[in-house]
Amino acid sequence: RQTVAECSPEHLLAESKFLLTESLQELMKFLVQGSSLESVSGNQSDSQDTMFFLELITRITIANRDRVLMIWRSVADHISRLISATASTLDTLFHLERAVTALMRLTVRL
């Protein structure tokens, strides 16, 4: 928790609106890679990382709704892969719920 607090994710979210388009795309690419599908079937810590990155992806996408077309393909593909990977087993029901919730939030806000 201390590490996350030191990274100040709120600042990252608020300031993402001012990033250059290329920087925003690279940030989203990093977050998508950081929440890879291997994490979903891994241990509890990796699972929490995946959900943390998914939340960041969702919030940054909402914050950049005026440029959403620049990042939408990678965001939509990532959420789709998460839903597909987690829908097949009851062990990952929480992950499925979070991925669908993120998609619904994006649908309402964008």
PDB file of N, CA and C in Angstrom:
ATOM      1  N   ARG A   1       0.818  -1.193   0.000  1.00  0.00           N
ATOM      2  CA  ARG A   1       0.000   0.000   0.000  1.00  0.00           C
ATOM      3  C   ARG A   1       0.861   1.255   0.000  1.00  0.00           C
ATOM      4  N   GLN A   2       1.957   1.193   0.712  1.00  0.00           N
ATOM      5  CA  GLN A   2       2.830   2.358   0.781  1.00  0.00           C
ATOM      6  C   GLN A   2       3.421   2.665  -0.591  1.00  0.00           C
ATOM      7  N   THR A   3       3.796   1.625  -1.309  1.00  0.00           N
ATOM      8  CA  THR A   3       4.367   1.823  -2.642  1.00  0.00           C
ATOM      9  C   THR A   3       3.346   2.461  -3.571  1.00  0.00           C
ATOM     10  N   VAL A   4       2.122   1.976  -3.538  1.00  0.00           N
ATOM     11  CA  VAL A   4       1.062   2.545  -4.372  1.00  0.00           C
ATOM     12  C   VAL A   4       0.826   3.996  -3.994  1.00  0.00           C
ATOM     13  N   ALA A   5       0.807   4.293  -2.700  1.00  0.00           N
ATOM     14  CA  ALA A   5       0.595   5.665  -2.250  1.00  0.00           C
ATOM     15  C   ALA A   5       1.721   6.587  -2.726  1.00  0.00           C
ATOM     16  N   GLU A   6       2.951   6.085  -2.704  1.00  0.00           N
ATOM     17  CA  GLU A   6       4.093   6.884  -3.153  1.00  0.00           C
ATOM     18  C   GLU A   6       4.046   7.158  -4.648  1.00  0.00           C
ATOM     19  N   CYS A   7       3.459   6.242  -5.411  1.00  0.00           N
ATOM     20  CA  CYS A   7       3.347   6.426  -6.866  1.00  0.00           C
ATOM     21  C   CYS A   7       2.272   7.436  -7.242  1.00  0.00           C
ATOM     22  N   SER A   8       1.393   7.735  -6.304  1.00  0.00           N
ATOM     23  CA  SER A   8       0.328   8.713  -6.485  1.00  0.00           C
ATOM     24  C   SER A   8      -0.492   8.454  -7.750  1.00  0.00           C
ATOM     25  N   PRO A   9      -1.257   7.356  -7.765  1.00  0.00           N
ATOM     26  CA  PRO A   9      -2.050   7.052  -8.960  1.00  0.00           C
ATOM     27  C   PRO A   9      -3.112   8.111  -9.270  1.00  0.00           C
ATOM     28  N   GLU A  10      -3.593   8.835  -8.261  1.00  0.00           N
ATOM     29  CA  GLU A  10      -4.568   9.893  -8.512  1.00  0.00           C
ATOM     30  C   GLU A  10      -3.964  10.985  -9.392  1.00  0.00           C
ATOM     31  N   HIS A  11      -2.701  11.308  -9.117  1.00  0.00           N
ATOM     32  CA  HIS A  11      -2.001  12.314  -9.909  1.00  0.00           C
ATOM     33  C   HIS A  11      -1.829  11.824 -11.341  1.00  0.00           C
ATOM     34  N   LEU A  12      -1.475  10.562 -11.490  1.00  0.00           N
ATOM     35  CA  LEU A  12      -1.317   9.969 -12.820  1.00  0.00           C
ATOM     36  C   LEU A  12      -2.623  10.049 -13.594  1.00  0.00           C
ATOM     37  N   LEU A  13      -3.723   9.753 -12.928  1.00  0.00           N
ATOM     38  CA  LEU A  13      -5.027   9.816 -13.587  1.00  0.00           C
ATOM     39  C   LEU A  13      -5.381  11.240 -13.990  1.00  0.00           C
ATOM     40  N   ALA A  14      -5.199  12.166 -13.084  1.00  0.00           N
ATOM     41  CA  ALA A  14      -5.557  13.556 -13.358  1.00  0.00           C
ATOM     42  C   ALA A  14      -4.689  14.156 -14.456  1.00  0.00           C
ATOM     43  N   GLU A  15      -3.424  13.831 -14.462  1.00  0.00           N
ATOM     44  CA  GLU A  15      -2.504  14.415 -15.425  1.00  0.00           C
ATOM     45  C   GLU A  15      -2.480  13.689 -16.764  1.00  0.00           C
ATOM     46  N   SER A  16      -3.130  12.539 -16.865  1.00  0.00           N
ATOM     47  CA  SER A  16      -3.114  11.803 -18.130  1.00  0.00           C
ATOM     48  C   SER A  16      -3.797  12.588 -19.247  1.00  0.00           C
ATOM     49  N   LYS A  17      -4.664  13.523 -18.890  1.00  0.00           N
ATOM     50  CA  LYS A  17      -5.336  14.353 -19.892  1.00  0.00           C
ATOM     51  C   LYS A  17      -4.353  15.239 -20.645  1.00  0.00           C
ATOM     52  N   PHE A  18      -3.213  15.499 -20.033  1.00  0.00           N
ATOM     53  CA  PHE A  18      -2.247  16.410 -20.629  1.00  0.00           C
ATOM     54  C   PHE A  18      -1.100  15.696 -21.343  1.00  0.00           C
ATOM     55  N   LEU A  19      -1.130  14.390 -21.362  1.00  0.00           N
ATOM     56  CA  LEU A  19      -0.098  13.636 -22.061  1.00  0.00           C
ATOM     57  C   LEU A  19      -0.252  13.788 -23.565  1.00  0.00           C
ATOM     58  N   LEU A  20       0.865  13.732 -24.261  1.00  0.00           N
ATOM     59  CA  LEU A  20       0.805  13.670 -25.719  1.00  0.00           C
ATOM     60  C   LEU A  20       0.122  12.370 -26.114  1.00  0.00           C
ATOM     61  N   THR A  21      -0.457  12.342 -27.289  1.00  0.00           N
ATOM     62  CA  THR A  21      -1.185  11.149 -27.729  1.00  0.00           C
ATOM     63  C   THR A  21      -0.297   9.917 -27.716  1.00  0.00           C
ATOM     64  N   GLU A  22       0.937  10.043 -28.173  1.00  0.00           N
ATOM     65  CA  GLU A  22       1.862   8.912 -28.196  1.00  0.00           C
ATOM     66  C   GLU A  22       2.179   8.433 -26.783  1.00  0.00           C
ATOM     67  N   SER A  23       2.332   9.368 -25.862  1.00  0.00           N
ATOM     68  CA  SER A  23       2.610   9.013 -24.474  1.00  0.00           C
ATOM     69  C   SER A  23       1.422   8.312 -23.839  1.00  0.00           C
ATOM     70  N   LEU A  24       0.234   8.779 -24.146  1.00  0.00           N
ATOM     71  CA  LEU A  24      -0.975   8.139 -23.633  1.00  0.00           C
ATOM     72  C   LEU A  24      -1.089   6.713 -24.169  1.00  0.00           C
ATOM     73  N   GLN A  25      -0.805   6.530 -25.445  1.00  0.00           N
ATOM     74  CA  GLN A  25      -0.859   5.190 -26.034  1.00  0.00           C
ATOM     75  C   GLN A  25       0.170   4.265 -25.399  1.00  0.00           C
ATOM     76  N   GLU A  26       1.353   4.776 -25.136  1.00  0.00           N
ATOM     77  CA  GLU A  26       2.394   3.960 -24.498  1.00  0.00           C
ATOM     78  C   GLU A  26       2.015   3.613 -23.057  1.00  0.00           C
ATOM     79  N   LEU A  27       1.434   4.564 -22.346  1.00  0.00           N
ATOM     80  CA  LEU A  27       0.977   4.306 -20.977  1.00  0.00           C
ATOM     81  C   LEU A  27      -0.065   3.193 -20.976  1.00  0.00           C
ATOM     82  N   MET A  28      -1.018   3.278 -21.881  1.00  0.00           N
ATOM     83  CA  MET A  28      -2.057   2.254 -21.950  1.00  0.00           C
ATOM     84  C   MET A  28      -1.470   0.903 -22.358  1.00  0.00           C
ATOM     85  N   LYS A  29      -0.504   0.918 -23.253  1.00  0.00           N
ATOM     86  CA  LYS A  29       0.146  -0.330 -23.657  1.00  0.00           C
ATOM     87  C   LYS A  29       0.852  -0.970 -22.460  1.00  0.00           C
ATOM     88  N   PHE A  30       1.521  -0.158 -21.660  1.00  0.00           N
ATOM     89  CA  PHE A  30       2.192  -0.655 -20.458  1.00  0.00           C
ATOM     90  C   PHE A  30       1.197  -1.252 -19.472  1.00  0.00           C
ATOM     91  N   LEU A  31       0.087  -0.556 -19.249  1.00  0.00           N
ATOM     92  CA  LEU A  31      -0.921  -1.046 -18.304  1.00  0.00           C
ATOM     93  C   LEU A  31      -1.567  -2.344 -18.789  1.00  0.00           C
ATOM     94  N   VAL A  32      -1.809  -2.433 -20.083  1.00  0.00           N
ATOM     95  CA  VAL A  32      -2.389  -3.670 -20.639  1.00  0.00           C
ATOM     96  C   VAL A  32      -1.406  -4.821 -20.484  1.00  0.00           C
ATOM     97  N   GLN A  33      -0.132  -4.578 -20.762  1.00  0.00           N
ATOM     98  CA  GLN A  33       0.880  -5.627 -20.597  1.00  0.00           C
ATOM     99  C   GLN A  33       1.049  -5.999 -19.132  1.00  0.00           C
ATOM    100  N   GLY A  34       0.919  -5.026 -18.247  1.00  0.00           N
ATOM    101  CA  GLY A  34       1.058  -5.283 -16.814  1.00  0.00           C
ATOM    102  C   GLY A  34      -0.061  -6.123 -16.247  1.00  0.00           C
ATOM    103  N   SER A  35      -1.190  -6.098 -16.887  1.00  0.00           N
ATOM    104  CA  SER A  35      -2.317  -6.918 -16.424  1.00  0.00           C
ATOM    105  C   SER A  35      -2.560  -8.058 -17.400  1.00  0.00           C
ATOM    106  N   SER A  36      -1.507  -8.777 -17.690  1.00  0.00           N
ATOM    107  CA  SER A  36      -1.589  -9.865 -18.663  1.00  0.00           C
ATOM    108  C   SER A  36      -2.473 -10.993 -18.168  1.00  0.00           C
ATOM    109  N   LEU A  37      -2.918 -11.803 -19.086  1.00  0.00           N
ATOM    110  CA  LEU A  37      -3.843 -12.889 -18.761  1.00  0.00           C
ATOM    111  C   LEU A  37      -3.202 -13.957 -17.893  1.00  0.00           C
ATOM    112  N   GLU A  38      -1.894 -14.086 -17.922  1.00  0.00           N
ATOM    113  CA  GLU A  38      -1.235 -15.065 -17.060  1.00  0.00           C
ATOM    114  C   GLU A  38      -1.466 -14.735 -15.591  1.00  0.00           C
ATOM    115  N   SER A  39      -1.627 -13.455 -15.302  1.00  0.00           N
ATOM    116  CA  SER A  39      -1.839 -13.036 -13.923  1.00  0.00           C
ATOM    117  C   SER A  39      -3.172 -13.527 -13.374  1.00  0.00           C
ATOM    118  N   VAL A  40      -4.156 -13.631 -14.242  1.00  0.00           N
ATOM    119  CA  VAL A  40      -5.494 -14.002 -13.782  1.00  0.00           C
ATOM    120  C   VAL A  40      -5.502 -15.401 -13.193  1.00  0.00           C
ATOM    121  N   SER A  41      -4.742 -16.315 -13.776  1.00  0.00           N
ATOM    122  CA  SER A  41      -4.718 -17.685 -13.265  1.00  0.00           C
ATOM    123  C   SER A  41      -3.588 -17.905 -12.264  1.00  0.00           C
ATOM    124  N   GLY A  42      -2.867 -16.846 -11.956  1.00  0.00           N
ATOM    125  CA  GLY A  42      -1.718 -16.969 -11.057  1.00  0.00           C
ATOM    126  C   GLY A  42      -2.110 -16.855  -9.598  1.00  0.00           C
ATOM    127  N   ASN A  43      -1.158 -16.413  -8.781  1.00  0.00           N
ATOM    128  CA  ASN A  43      -1.418 -16.333  -7.343  1.00  0.00           C
ATOM    129  C   ASN A  43      -2.230 -15.091  -6.989  1.00  0.00           C
ATOM    130  N   GLN A  44      -2.551 -14.943  -5.712  1.00  0.00           N
ATOM    131  CA  GLN A  44      -3.417 -13.860  -5.245  1.00  0.00           C
ATOM    132  C   GLN A  44      -2.825 -12.481  -5.522  1.00  0.00           C
ATOM    133  N   SER A  45      -1.523 -12.323  -5.341  1.00  0.00           N
ATOM    134  CA  SER A  45      -0.878 -11.039  -5.569  1.00  0.00           C
ATOM    135  C   SER A  45      -0.983 -10.622  -7.032  1.00  0.00           C
ATOM    136  N   ASP A  46      -0.729 -11.546  -7.952  1.00  0.00           N
ATOM    137  CA  ASP A  46      -0.841 -11.241  -9.373  1.00  0.00           C
ATOM    138  C   ASP A  46      -2.277 -10.898  -9.740  1.00  0.00           C
ATOM    139  N   SER A  47      -3.208 -11.581  -9.119  1.00  0.00           N
ATOM    140  CA  SER A  47      -4.617 -11.337  -9.363  1.00  0.00           C
ATOM    141  C   SER A  47      -4.998  -9.922  -8.940  1.00  0.00           C
ATOM    142  N   GLN A  48      -4.503  -9.490  -7.808  1.00  0.00           N
ATOM    143  CA  GLN A  48      -4.772  -8.133  -7.342  1.00  0.00           C
ATOM    144  C   GLN A  48      -4.116  -7.104  -8.257  1.00  0.00           C
ATOM    145  N   ASP A  49      -2.934  -7.411  -8.758  1.00  0.00           N
ATOM    146  CA  ASP A  49      -2.267  -6.524  -9.712  1.00  0.00           C
ATOM    147  C   ASP A  49      -3.109  -6.336 -10.964  1.00  0.00           C
ATOM    148  N   THR A  50      -3.656  -7.433 -11.463  1.00  0.00           N
ATOM    149  CA  THR A  50      -4.487  -7.377 -12.665  1.00  0.00           C
ATOM    150  C   THR A  50      -5.688  -6.471 -12.445  1.00  0.00           C
ATOM    151  N   MET A  51      -6.338  -6.601 -11.313  1.00  0.00           N
ATOM    152  CA  MET A  51      -7.511  -5.782 -11.022  1.00  0.00           C
ATOM    153  C   MET A  51      -7.125  -4.310 -10.814  1.00  0.00           C
ATOM    154  N   PHE A  52      -5.966  -4.071 -10.219  1.00  0.00           N
ATOM    155  CA  PHE A  52      -5.483  -2.700 -10.035  1.00  0.00           C
ATOM    156  C   PHE A  52      -5.228  -2.050 -11.395  1.00  0.00           C
ATOM    157  N   PHE A  53      -4.545  -2.766 -12.285  1.00  0.00           N
ATOM    158  CA  PHE A  53      -4.275  -2.234 -13.616  1.00  0.00           C
ATOM    159  C   PHE A  53      -5.564  -2.027 -14.408  1.00  0.00           C
ATOM    160  N   LEU A  54      -6.518  -2.930 -14.270  1.00  0.00           N
ATOM    161  CA  LEU A  54      -7.798  -2.772 -14.962  1.00  0.00           C
ATOM    162  C   LEU A  54      -8.502  -1.504 -14.496  1.00  0.00           C
ATOM    163  N   GLU A  55      -8.449  -1.236 -13.202  1.00  0.00           N
ATOM    164  CA  GLU A  55      -9.060  -0.010 -12.675  1.00  0.00           C
ATOM    165  C   GLU A  55      -8.355   1.228 -13.227  1.00  0.00           C
ATOM    166  N   LEU A  56      -7.026   1.197 -13.288  1.00  0.00           N
ATOM    167  CA  LEU A  56      -6.292   2.325 -13.867  1.00  0.00           C
ATOM    168  C   LEU A  56      -6.650   2.523 -15.333  1.00  0.00           C
ATOM    169  N   ILE A  57      -6.706   1.430 -16.082  1.00  0.00           N
ATOM    170  CA  ILE A  57      -7.067   1.508 -17.506  1.00  0.00           C
ATOM    171  C   ILE A  57      -8.443   2.150 -17.660  1.00  0.00           C
ATOM    172  N   THR A  58      -9.386   1.725 -16.845  1.00  0.00           N
ATOM    173  CA  THR A  58     -10.750   2.258 -16.926  1.00  0.00           C
ATOM    174  C   THR A  58     -10.786   3.740 -16.606  1.00  0.00           C
ATOM    175  N   ARG A  59     -10.148   4.134 -15.518  1.00  0.00           N
ATOM    176  CA  ARG A  59     -10.174   5.548 -15.116  1.00  0.00           C
ATOM    177  C   ARG A  59      -9.453   6.443 -16.113  1.00  0.00           C
ATOM    178  N   ILE A  60      -8.318   5.993 -16.635  1.00  0.00           N
ATOM    179  CA  ILE A  60      -7.583   6.804 -17.611  1.00  0.00           C
ATOM    180  C   ILE A  60      -8.375   6.933 -18.906  1.00  0.00           C
ATOM    181  N   THR A  61      -9.051   5.872 -19.302  1.00  0.00           N
ATOM    182  CA  THR A  61      -9.873   5.932 -20.513  1.00  0.00           C
ATOM    183  C   THR A  61     -11.010   6.933 -20.330  1.00  0.00           C
ATOM    184  N   ILE A  62     -11.656   6.907 -19.185  1.00  0.00           N
ATOM    185  CA  ILE A  62     -12.737   7.861 -18.907  1.00  0.00           C
ATOM    186  C   ILE A  62     -12.195   9.286 -18.861  1.00  0.00           C
ATOM    187  N   ALA A  63     -11.041   9.476 -18.246  1.00  0.00           N
ATOM    188  CA  ALA A  63     -10.444  10.813 -18.152  1.00  0.00           C
ATOM    189  C   ALA A  63     -10.054  11.364 -19.524  1.00  0.00           C
ATOM    190  N   ASN A  64      -9.815  10.476 -20.474  1.00  0.00           N
ATOM    191  CA  ASN A  64      -9.396  10.897 -21.813  1.00  0.00           C
ATOM    192  C   ASN A  64     -10.489  10.618 -22.843  1.00  0.00           C
ATOM    193  N   ARG A  65     -11.711  10.824 -22.455  1.00  0.00           N
ATOM    194  CA  ARG A  65     -12.841  10.518 -23.350  1.00  0.00           C
ATOM    195  C   ARG A  65     -12.802  11.308 -24.644  1.00  0.00           C
ATOM    196  N   ASP A  66     -12.177  12.493 -24.640  1.00  0.00           N
ATOM    197  CA  ASP A  66     -12.082  13.278 -25.874  1.00  0.00           C
ATOM    198  C   ASP A  66     -11.104  12.661 -26.875  1.00  0.00           C
ATOM    199  N   ARG A  67     -10.194  11.795 -26.408  1.00  0.00           N
ATOM    200  CA  ARG A  67      -9.234  11.122 -27.300  1.00  0.00           C
ATOM    201  C   ARG A  67      -9.396   9.612 -27.251  1.00  0.00           C
ATOM    202  N   VAL A  68     -10.570   9.158 -26.886  1.00  0.00           N
ATOM    203  CA  VAL A  68     -10.772   7.726 -26.655  1.00  0.00           C
ATOM    204  C   VAL A  68     -10.496   6.893 -27.905  1.00  0.00           C
ATOM    205  N   LEU A  69     -10.728   7.446 -29.082  1.00  0.00           N
ATOM    206  CA  LEU A  69     -10.494   6.680 -30.305  1.00  0.00           C
ATOM    207  C   LEU A  69      -9.028   6.290 -30.471  1.00  0.00           C
ATOM    208  N   MET A  70      -8.136   7.053 -29.885  1.00  0.00           N
ATOM    209  CA  MET A  70      -6.701   6.768 -29.985  1.00  0.00           C
ATOM    210  C   MET A  70      -6.296   5.551 -29.156  1.00  0.00           C
ATOM    211  N   ILE A  71      -7.058   5.239 -28.113  1.00  0.00           N
ATOM    212  CA  ILE A  71      -6.681   4.140 -27.213  1.00  0.00           C
ATOM    213  C   ILE A  71      -7.734   3.045 -27.139  1.00  0.00           C
ATOM    214  N   TRP A  72      -8.896   3.270 -27.760  1.00  0.00           N
ATOM    215  CA  TRP A  72     -10.010   2.361 -27.566  1.00  0.00           C
ATOM    216  C   TRP A  72      -9.724   0.938 -28.015  1.00  0.00           C
ATOM    217  N   ARG A  73      -9.056   0.746 -29.134  1.00  0.00           N
ATOM    218  CA  ARG A  73      -8.834  -0.603 -29.663  1.00  0.00           C
ATOM    219  C   ARG A  73      -8.098  -1.461 -28.637  1.00  0.00           C
ATOM    220  N   SER A  74      -7.030  -0.950 -28.055  1.00  0.00           N
ATOM    221  CA  SER A  74      -6.270  -1.749 -27.090  1.00  0.00           C
ATOM    222  C   SER A  74      -7.069  -1.983 -25.810  1.00  0.00           C
ATOM    223  N   VAL A  75      -7.830  -0.979 -25.367  1.00  0.00           N
ATOM    224  CA  VAL A  75      -8.645  -1.126 -24.164  1.00  0.00           C
ATOM    225  C   VAL A  75      -9.744  -2.163 -24.391  1.00  0.00           C
ATOM    226  N   ALA A  76     -10.454  -2.045 -25.488  1.00  0.00           N
ATOM    227  CA  ALA A  76     -11.555  -2.968 -25.788  1.00  0.00           C
ATOM    228  C   ALA A  76     -11.047  -4.396 -25.959  1.00  0.00           C
ATOM    229  N   ASP A  77      -9.929  -4.559 -26.667  1.00  0.00           N
ATOM    230  CA  ASP A  77      -9.364  -5.899 -26.847  1.00  0.00           C
ATOM    231  C   ASP A  77      -8.947  -6.508 -25.515  1.00  0.00           C
ATOM    232  N   HIS A  78      -8.355  -5.696 -24.663  1.00  0.00           N
ATOM    233  CA  HIS A  78      -7.904  -6.182 -23.365  1.00  0.00           C
ATOM    234  C   HIS A  78      -9.078  -6.629 -22.498  1.00  0.00           C
ATOM    235  N   ILE A  79     -10.103  -5.804 -22.421  1.00  0.00           N
ATOM    236  CA  ILE A  79     -11.271  -6.169 -21.610  1.00  0.00           C
ATOM    237  C   ILE A  79     -11.947  -7.405 -22.196  1.00  0.00           C
ATOM    238  N   SER A  80     -12.007  -7.481 -23.496  1.00  0.00           N
ATOM    239  CA  SER A  80     -12.594  -8.657 -24.143  1.00  0.00           C
ATOM    240  C   SER A  80     -11.814  -9.925 -23.805  1.00  0.00           C
ATOM    241  N   ARG A  81     -10.483  -9.836 -23.839  1.00  0.00           N
ATOM    242  CA  ARG A  81      -9.654 -10.998 -23.485  1.00  0.00           C
ATOM    243  C   ARG A  81      -9.841 -11.386 -22.022  1.00  0.00           C
ATOM    244  N   LEU A  82      -9.942 -10.401 -21.143  1.00  0.00           N
ATOM    245  CA  LEU A  82     -10.171 -10.698 -19.723  1.00  0.00           C
ATOM    246  C   LEU A  82     -11.512 -11.397 -19.510  1.00  0.00           C
ATOM    247  N   ILE A  83     -12.538 -10.895 -20.165  1.00  0.00           N
ATOM    248  CA  ILE A  83     -13.862 -11.513 -20.025  1.00  0.00           C
ATOM    249  C   ILE A  83     -13.839 -12.938 -20.570  1.00  0.00           C
ATOM    250  N   SER A  84     -13.242 -13.128 -21.723  1.00  0.00           N
ATOM    251  CA  SER A  84     -13.184 -14.474 -22.319  1.00  0.00           C
ATOM    252  C   SER A  84     -12.397 -15.443 -21.451  1.00  0.00           C
ATOM    253  N   ALA A  85     -11.287 -14.985 -20.908  1.00  0.00           N
ATOM    254  CA  ALA A  85     -10.430 -15.868 -20.112  1.00  0.00           C
ATOM    255  C   ALA A  85     -11.051 -16.218 -18.768  1.00  0.00           C
ATOM    256  N   THR A  86     -11.822 -15.315 -18.211  1.00  0.00           N
ATOM    257  CA  THR A  86     -12.366 -15.556 -16.876  1.00  0.00           C
ATOM    258  C   THR A  86     -13.765 -16.159 -16.894  1.00  0.00           C
ATOM    259  N   ALA A  87     -14.431 -16.137 -18.028  1.00  0.00           N
ATOM    260  CA  ALA A  87     -15.801 -16.658 -18.096  1.00  0.00           C
ATOM    261  C   ALA A  87     -15.860 -18.175 -18.056  1.00  0.00           C
ATOM    262  N   SER A  88     -14.750 -18.837 -18.277  1.00  0.00           N
ATOM    263  CA  SER A  88     -14.763 -20.291 -18.406  1.00  0.00           C
ATOM    264  C   SER A  88     -14.694 -21.045 -17.079  1.00  0.00           C
ATOM    265  N   THR A  89     -14.402 -20.361 -15.996  1.00  0.00           N
ATOM    266  CA  THR A  89     -14.256 -21.055 -14.713  1.00  0.00           C
ATOM    267  C   THR A  89     -14.861 -20.246 -13.575  1.00  0.00           C
ATOM    268  N   LEU A  90     -15.365 -20.927 -12.590  1.00  0.00           N
ATOM    269  CA  LEU A  90     -15.938 -20.251 -11.428  1.00  0.00           C
ATOM    270  C   LEU A  90     -14.869 -19.709 -10.490  1.00  0.00           C
ATOM    271  N   ASP A  91     -13.635 -20.176 -10.627  1.00  0.00           N
ATOM    272  CA  ASP A  91     -12.541 -19.707  -9.770  1.00  0.00           C
ATOM    273  C   ASP A  91     -12.260 -18.225  -9.986  1.00  0.00           C
ATOM    274  N   THR A  92     -12.553 -17.743 -11.160  1.00  0.00           N
ATOM    275  CA  THR A  92     -12.236 -16.356 -11.497  1.00  0.00           C
ATOM    276  C   THR A  92     -13.496 -15.508 -11.641  1.00  0.00           C
ATOM    277  N   LEU A  93     -14.533 -15.856 -10.923  1.00  0.00           N
ATOM    278  CA  LEU A  93     -15.801 -15.138 -11.012  1.00  0.00           C
ATOM    279  C   LEU A  93     -15.638 -13.664 -10.633  1.00  0.00           C
ATOM    280  N   PHE A  94     -14.817 -13.382  -9.636  1.00  0.00           N
ATOM    281  CA  PHE A  94     -14.581 -11.992  -9.235  1.00  0.00           C
ATOM    282  C   PHE A  94     -13.938 -11.208 -10.372  1.00  0.00           C
ATOM    283  N   HIS A  95     -12.995 -11.825 -11.074  1.00  0.00           N
ATOM    284  CA  HIS A  95     -12.331 -11.146 -12.193  1.00  0.00           C
ATOM    285  C   HIS A  95     -13.321 -10.872 -13.322  1.00  0.00           C
ATOM    286  N   LEU A  96     -14.180 -11.834 -13.579  1.00  0.00           N
ATOM    287  CA  LEU A  96     -15.215 -11.642 -14.601  1.00  0.00           C
ATOM    288  C   LEU A  96     -16.124 -10.482 -14.219  1.00  0.00           C
ATOM    289  N   GLU A  97     -16.518 -10.441 -12.967  1.00  0.00           N
ATOM    290  CA  GLU A  97     -17.377  -9.367 -12.481  1.00  0.00           C
ATOM    291  C   GLU A  97     -16.704  -8.010 -12.641  1.00  0.00           C
ATOM    292  N   ARG A  98     -15.439  -7.921 -12.286  1.00  0.00           N
ATOM    293  CA  ARG A  98     -14.716  -6.647 -12.389  1.00  0.00           C
ATOM    294  C   ARG A  98     -14.536  -6.217 -13.844  1.00  0.00           C
ATOM    295  N   ALA A  99     -14.248  -7.161 -14.742  1.00  0.00           N
ATOM    296  CA  ALA A  99     -14.068  -6.826 -16.157  1.00  0.00           C
ATOM    297  C   ALA A  99     -15.378  -6.349 -16.780  1.00  0.00           C
ATOM    298  N   VAL A 100     -16.474  -7.006 -16.456  1.00  0.00           N
ATOM    299  CA  VAL A 100     -17.777  -6.593 -16.982  1.00  0.00           C
ATOM    300  C   VAL A 100     -18.173  -5.243 -16.396  1.00  0.00           C
ATOM    301  N   THR A 101     -17.899  -5.038 -15.121  1.00  0.00           N
ATOM    302  CA  THR A 101     -18.192  -3.749 -14.493  1.00  0.00           C
ATOM    303  C   THR A 101     -17.398  -2.623 -15.149  1.00  0.00           C
ATOM    304  N   ALA A 102     -16.132  -2.880 -15.445  1.00  0.00           N
ATOM    305  CA  ALA A 102     -15.303  -1.873 -16.123  1.00  0.00           C
ATOM    306  C   ALA A 102     -15.888  -1.541 -17.497  1.00  0.00           C
ATOM    307  N   LEU A 103     -16.319  -2.556 -18.226  1.00  0.00           N
ATOM    308  CA  LEU A 103     -16.910  -2.335 -19.538  1.00  0.00           C
ATOM    309  C   LEU A 103     -18.201  -1.528 -19.418  1.00  0.00           C
ATOM    310  N   MET A 104     -19.002  -1.825 -18.421  1.00  0.00           N
ATOM    311  CA  MET A 104     -20.246  -1.078 -18.214  1.00  0.00           C
ATOM    312  C   MET A 104     -19.976   0.372 -17.827  1.00  0.00           C
ATOM    313  N   ARG A 105     -18.986   0.588 -16.979  1.00  0.00           N
ATOM    314  CA  ARG A 105     -18.616   1.971 -16.613  1.00  0.00           C
ATOM    315  C   ARG A 105     -18.181   2.758 -17.834  1.00  0.00           C
ATOM    316  N   LEU A 106     -17.387   2.124 -18.687  1.00  0.00           N
ATOM    317  CA  LEU A 106     -16.940   2.787 -19.909  1.00  0.00           C
ATOM    318  C   LEU A 106     -18.120   3.084 -20.825  1.00  0.00           C
ATOM    319  N   THR A 107     -19.045   2.162 -20.902  1.00  0.00           N
ATOM    320  CA  THR A 107     -20.221   2.368 -21.754  1.00  0.00           C
ATOM    321  C   THR A 107     -21.057   3.547 -21.283  1.00  0.00           C
ATOM    322  N   VAL A 108     -21.236   3.657 -19.982  1.00  0.00           N
ATOM    323  CA  VAL A 108     -22.051   4.754 -19.437  1.00  0.00           C
ATOM    324  C   VAL A 108     -21.328   6.095 -19.579  1.00  0.00           C
ATOM    325  N   ARG A 109     -20.041   6.115 -19.315  1.00  0.00           N
ATOM    326  CA  ARG A 109     -19.298   7.387 -19.282  1.00  0.00           C
ATOM    327  C   ARG A 109     -18.864   7.899 -20.652  1.00  0.00           C
ATOM    328  N   LEU A 110     -18.703   6.987 -21.603  1.00  0.00           N
ATOM    329  CA  LEU A 110     -18.242   7.429 -22.918  1.00  0.00           C
ATOM    330  C   LEU A 110     -19.432   7.566 -23.815  1.00  0.00           C
TER     331      LEU A 110
END
